[in-house]
Amino acid sequence: MTAKEEKERIELLQGTLDLLILRTLLLGPAHGHAIAKAIEFNSDDVLQVEQGSLYPALHRLIKRGWISFEEGTSENNRRAKFYRLTAKGRKQLTLETGKWDKLAGAIARILRPAKQGGKS
């Protein structure tokens, strides 16, 4: 990673990676590398998911019952775990998305307050 890329890198808030994984798996089962690449692609490469963050998050989500996995073979003929969203995970995704929307709205109101009475 170049110095410029390092400077522009955005650190994810705790719990945000879990939300992004759940949202990615809503589209269907995927192995870890594919999940990371989907998050990177869908964020226009703003969000980079490191293996050191991804796999602990996947294990955490399995432990909570939000995702499950099956052994399989990846597109490059390697053994891989394919992660799948569970019914409990779908409910949690809805809940977490609502929390995220509320948080993002609150932050936006602080960063860009509405003009009051003609004052800025």
C-alpha atoms as a PDB file:
ATOM      1  CA  MET A   1       0.000   0.000   0.000  1.00  0.00           C
ATOM      2  CA  THR A   2       1.413   3.388  -0.958  1.00  0.00           C
ATOM      3  CA  ALA A   3       1.686   6.248   1.549  1.00  0.00           C
ATOM      4  CA  LYS A   4      -1.161   8.055  -0.218  1.00  0.00           C
ATOM      5  CA  GLU A   5      -3.386   4.955  -0.082  1.00  0.00           C
ATOM      6  CA  GLU A   6      -2.511   4.476   3.595  1.00  0.00           C
ATOM      7  CA  LYS A   7      -3.467   8.095   4.317  1.00  0.00           C
ATOM      8  CA  GLU A   8      -6.801   7.788   2.487  1.00  0.00           C
ATOM      9  CA  ARG A   9      -7.690   4.440   4.033  1.00  0.00           C
ATOM     10  CA  ILE A  10     -10.832   4.455   6.133  1.00  0.00           C
ATOM     11  CA  GLU A  11     -10.892   2.417   9.327  1.00  0.00           C
ATOM     12  CA  LEU A  12     -14.216   0.689   9.949  1.00  0.00           C
ATOM     13  CA  LEU A  13     -16.118   1.332  13.157  1.00  0.00           C
ATOM     14  CA  GLN A  14     -16.427  -1.702  15.390  1.00  0.00           C
ATOM     15  CA  GLY A  15     -19.398  -3.749  14.219  1.00  0.00           C
ATOM     16  CA  THR A  16     -19.428  -2.181  10.772  1.00  0.00           C
ATOM     17  CA  LEU A  17     -17.553  -5.101   9.204  1.00  0.00           C
ATOM     18  CA  ASP A  18     -20.142  -7.491  10.651  1.00  0.00           C
ATOM     19  CA  LEU A  19     -22.901  -5.437   9.013  1.00  0.00           C
ATOM     20  CA  LEU A  20     -21.073  -5.397   5.664  1.00  0.00           C
ATOM     21  CA  ILE A  21     -20.519  -9.164   5.781  1.00  0.00           C
ATOM     22  CA  LEU A  22     -24.188  -9.807   6.557  1.00  0.00           C
ATOM     23  CA  ARG A  23     -25.248  -7.499   3.717  1.00  0.00           C
ATOM     24  CA  THR A  24     -22.844  -9.169   1.297  1.00  0.00           C
ATOM     25  CA  LEU A  25     -24.146 -12.634   2.201  1.00  0.00           C
ATOM     26  CA  LEU A  26     -27.721 -11.465   1.585  1.00  0.00           C
ATOM     27  CA  LEU A  27     -26.827 -11.876  -2.099  1.00  0.00           C
ATOM     28  CA  GLY A  28     -25.950 -15.539  -1.571  1.00  0.00           C
ATOM     29  CA  PRO A  29     -23.273 -17.830  -0.129  1.00  0.00           C
ATOM     30  CA  ALA A  30     -19.632 -16.851  -0.615  1.00  0.00           C
ATOM     31  CA  HIS A  31     -16.175 -17.815   0.596  1.00  0.00           C
ATOM     32  CA  GLY A  32     -14.046 -15.408   2.625  1.00  0.00           C
ATOM     33  CA  HIS A  33     -11.958 -14.029  -0.221  1.00  0.00           C
ATOM     34  CA  ALA A  34     -15.084 -13.379  -2.296  1.00  0.00           C
ATOM     35  CA  ILE A  35     -16.726 -11.557   0.634  1.00  0.00           C
ATOM     36  CA  ALA A  36     -13.691  -9.281   1.034  1.00  0.00           C
ATOM     37  CA  LYS A  37     -13.546  -8.590  -2.709  1.00  0.00           C
ATOM     38  CA  ALA A  38     -17.284  -7.841  -2.874  1.00  0.00           C
ATOM     39  CA  ILE A  39     -16.985  -5.297  -0.052  1.00  0.00           C
ATOM     40  CA  GLU A  40     -14.001  -3.679  -1.762  1.00  0.00           C
ATOM     41  CA  PHE A  41     -15.707  -3.643  -5.169  1.00  0.00           C
ATOM     42  CA  ASN A  42     -19.044  -2.319  -3.886  1.00  0.00           C
ATOM     43  CA  SER A  43     -17.288   0.471  -1.961  1.00  0.00           C
ATOM     44  CA  ASP A  44     -15.315   1.508  -5.078  1.00  0.00           C
ATOM     45  CA  ASP A  45     -12.166   0.225  -3.314  1.00  0.00           C
ATOM     46  CA  VAL A  46     -12.561   2.677  -0.425  1.00  0.00           C
ATOM     47  CA  LEU A  47     -12.987  -0.162   2.079  1.00  0.00           C
ATOM     48  CA  GLN A  48     -10.182  -2.714   2.195  1.00  0.00           C
ATOM     49  CA  VAL A  49     -10.894  -5.825   4.251  1.00  0.00           C
ATOM     50  CA  GLU A  50      -7.812  -7.442   5.752  1.00  0.00           C
ATOM     51  CA  GLN A  51      -7.762 -11.190   6.443  1.00  0.00           C
ATOM     52  CA  GLY A  52      -6.795 -10.412  10.028  1.00  0.00           C
ATOM     53  CA  SER A  53     -10.147  -8.646  10.439  1.00  0.00           C
ATOM     54  CA  LEU A  54     -12.329 -10.731   8.125  1.00  0.00           C
ATOM     55  CA  TYR A  55     -11.834 -14.206   9.556  1.00  0.00           C
ATOM     56  CA  PRO A  56     -12.299 -13.232  13.237  1.00  0.00           C
ATOM     57  CA  ALA A  57     -15.506 -11.437  12.167  1.00  0.00           C
ATOM     58  CA  LEU A  58     -16.726 -14.538  10.303  1.00  0.00           C
ATOM     59  CA  HIS A  59     -16.040 -16.716  13.362  1.00  0.00           C
ATOM     60  CA  ARG A  60     -17.869 -14.200  15.573  1.00  0.00           C
ATOM     61  CA  LEU A  61     -20.901 -14.245  13.263  1.00  0.00           C
ATOM     62  CA  ILE A  62     -20.943 -18.061  13.230  1.00  0.00           C
ATOM     63  CA  LYS A  63     -20.792 -18.122  17.035  1.00  0.00           C
ATOM     64  CA  ARG A  64     -23.781 -15.747  17.189  1.00  0.00           C
ATOM     65  CA  GLY A  65     -25.726 -17.940  14.768  1.00  0.00           C
ATOM     66  CA  TRP A  66     -26.015 -15.167  12.171  1.00  0.00           C
ATOM     67  CA  ILE A  67     -24.152 -17.110   9.488  1.00  0.00           C
ATOM     68  CA  SER A  68     -23.334 -20.767   8.847  1.00  0.00           C
ATOM     69  CA  PHE A  69     -20.837 -22.410   6.526  1.00  0.00           C
ATOM     70  CA  GLU A  70     -20.316 -25.451   4.339  1.00  0.00           C
ATOM     71  CA  GLU A  71     -17.086 -26.889   3.011  1.00  0.00           C
ATOM     72  CA  GLY A  72     -16.728 -26.667  -0.755  1.00  0.00           C
ATOM     73  CA  THR A  73     -14.424 -25.929  -3.658  1.00  0.00           C
ATOM     74  CA  SER A  74     -13.733 -22.396  -4.843  1.00  0.00           C
ATOM     75  CA  GLU A  75     -13.671 -21.278  -8.475  1.00  0.00           C
ATOM     76  CA  ASN A  76      -9.877 -21.845  -8.544  1.00  0.00           C
ATOM     77  CA  ASN A  77     -10.367 -25.454  -7.370  1.00  0.00           C
ATOM     78  CA  ARG A  78      -9.256 -24.891  -3.754  1.00  0.00           C
ATOM     79  CA  ARG A  79     -10.983 -26.092  -0.610  1.00  0.00           C
ATOM     80  CA  ALA A  80     -12.959 -23.263   0.953  1.00  0.00           C
ATOM     81  CA  LYS A  81     -15.664 -22.538   3.473  1.00  0.00           C
ATOM     82  CA  PHE A  82     -18.760 -21.027   1.925  1.00  0.00           C
ATOM     83  CA  TYR A  83     -20.582 -18.764   4.351  1.00  0.00           C
ATOM     84  CA  ARG A  84     -24.360 -18.358   4.265  1.00  0.00           C
ATOM     85  CA  LEU A  85     -26.733 -15.955   6.005  1.00  0.00           C
ATOM     86  CA  THR A  86     -29.097 -17.677   8.476  1.00  0.00           C
ATOM     87  CA  ALA A  87     -32.680 -16.641   9.279  1.00  0.00           C
ATOM     88  CA  LYS A  88     -31.357 -15.184  12.552  1.00  0.00           C
ATOM     89  CA  GLY A  89     -28.727 -13.311  10.518  1.00  0.00           C
ATOM     90  CA  ARG A  90     -31.384 -11.834   8.219  1.00  0.00           C
ATOM     91  CA  LYS A  91     -33.251 -10.461  11.229  1.00  0.00           C
ATOM     92  CA  GLN A  92     -30.014  -9.080  12.655  1.00  0.00           C
ATOM     93  CA  LEU A  93     -29.159  -7.449   9.317  1.00  0.00           C
ATOM     94  CA  THR A  94     -32.468  -5.578   9.400  1.00  0.00           C
ATOM     95  CA  LEU A  95     -31.856  -4.472  12.990  1.00  0.00           C
ATOM     96  CA  GLU A  96     -28.237  -3.423  12.356  1.00  0.00           C
ATOM     97  CA  THR A  97     -29.167  -1.555   9.163  1.00  0.00           C
ATOM     98  CA  GLY A  98     -31.695   0.474  11.158  1.00  0.00           C
ATOM     99  CA  LYS A  99     -29.061   1.257  13.802  1.00  0.00           C
ATOM    100  CA  TRP A 100     -26.586   2.276  11.105  1.00  0.00           C
ATOM    101  CA  ASP A 101     -29.124   4.577   9.417  1.00  0.00           C
ATOM    102  CA  LYS A 102     -29.854   6.234  12.772  1.00  0.00           C
ATOM    103  CA  LEU A 103     -26.135   6.669  13.541  1.00  0.00           C
ATOM    104  CA  ALA A 104     -25.319   8.018  10.064  1.00  0.00           C
ATOM    105  CA  GLY A 105     -28.204  10.492  10.284  1.00  0.00           C
ATOM    106  CA  ALA A 106     -27.065  11.735  13.691  1.00  0.00           C
ATOM    107  CA  ILE A 107     -23.478  12.197  12.496  1.00  0.00           C
ATOM    108  CA  ALA A 108     -24.682  14.006   9.358  1.00  0.00           C
ATOM    109  CA  ARG A 109     -26.753  16.408  11.489  1.00  0.00           C
ATOM    110  CA  ILE A 110     -23.665  17.260  13.537  1.00  0.00           C
ATOM    111  CA  LEU A 111     -21.323  17.632  10.557  1.00  0.00           C
ATOM    112  CA  ARG A 112     -23.789  19.597   8.450  1.00  0.00           C
ATOM    113  CA  PRO A 113     -26.223  21.373  10.764  1.00  0.00           C
ATOM    114  CA  ALA A 114     -29.249  23.002   9.170  1.00  0.00           C
ATOM    115  CA  LYS A 115     -29.138  26.775   9.005  1.00  0.00           C
ATOM    116  CA  GLN A 116     -31.351  28.274  11.685  1.00  0.00           C
ATOM    117  CA  GLY A 117     -32.933  31.692  11.311  1.00  0.00           C
ATOM    118  CA  GLY A 118     -30.592  32.708   8.498  1.00  0.00           C
ATOM    119  CA  LYS A 119     -27.481  32.012  10.575  1.00  0.00           C
ATOM    120  CA  SER A 120     -24.872  29.522   9.510  1.00  0.00           C
END
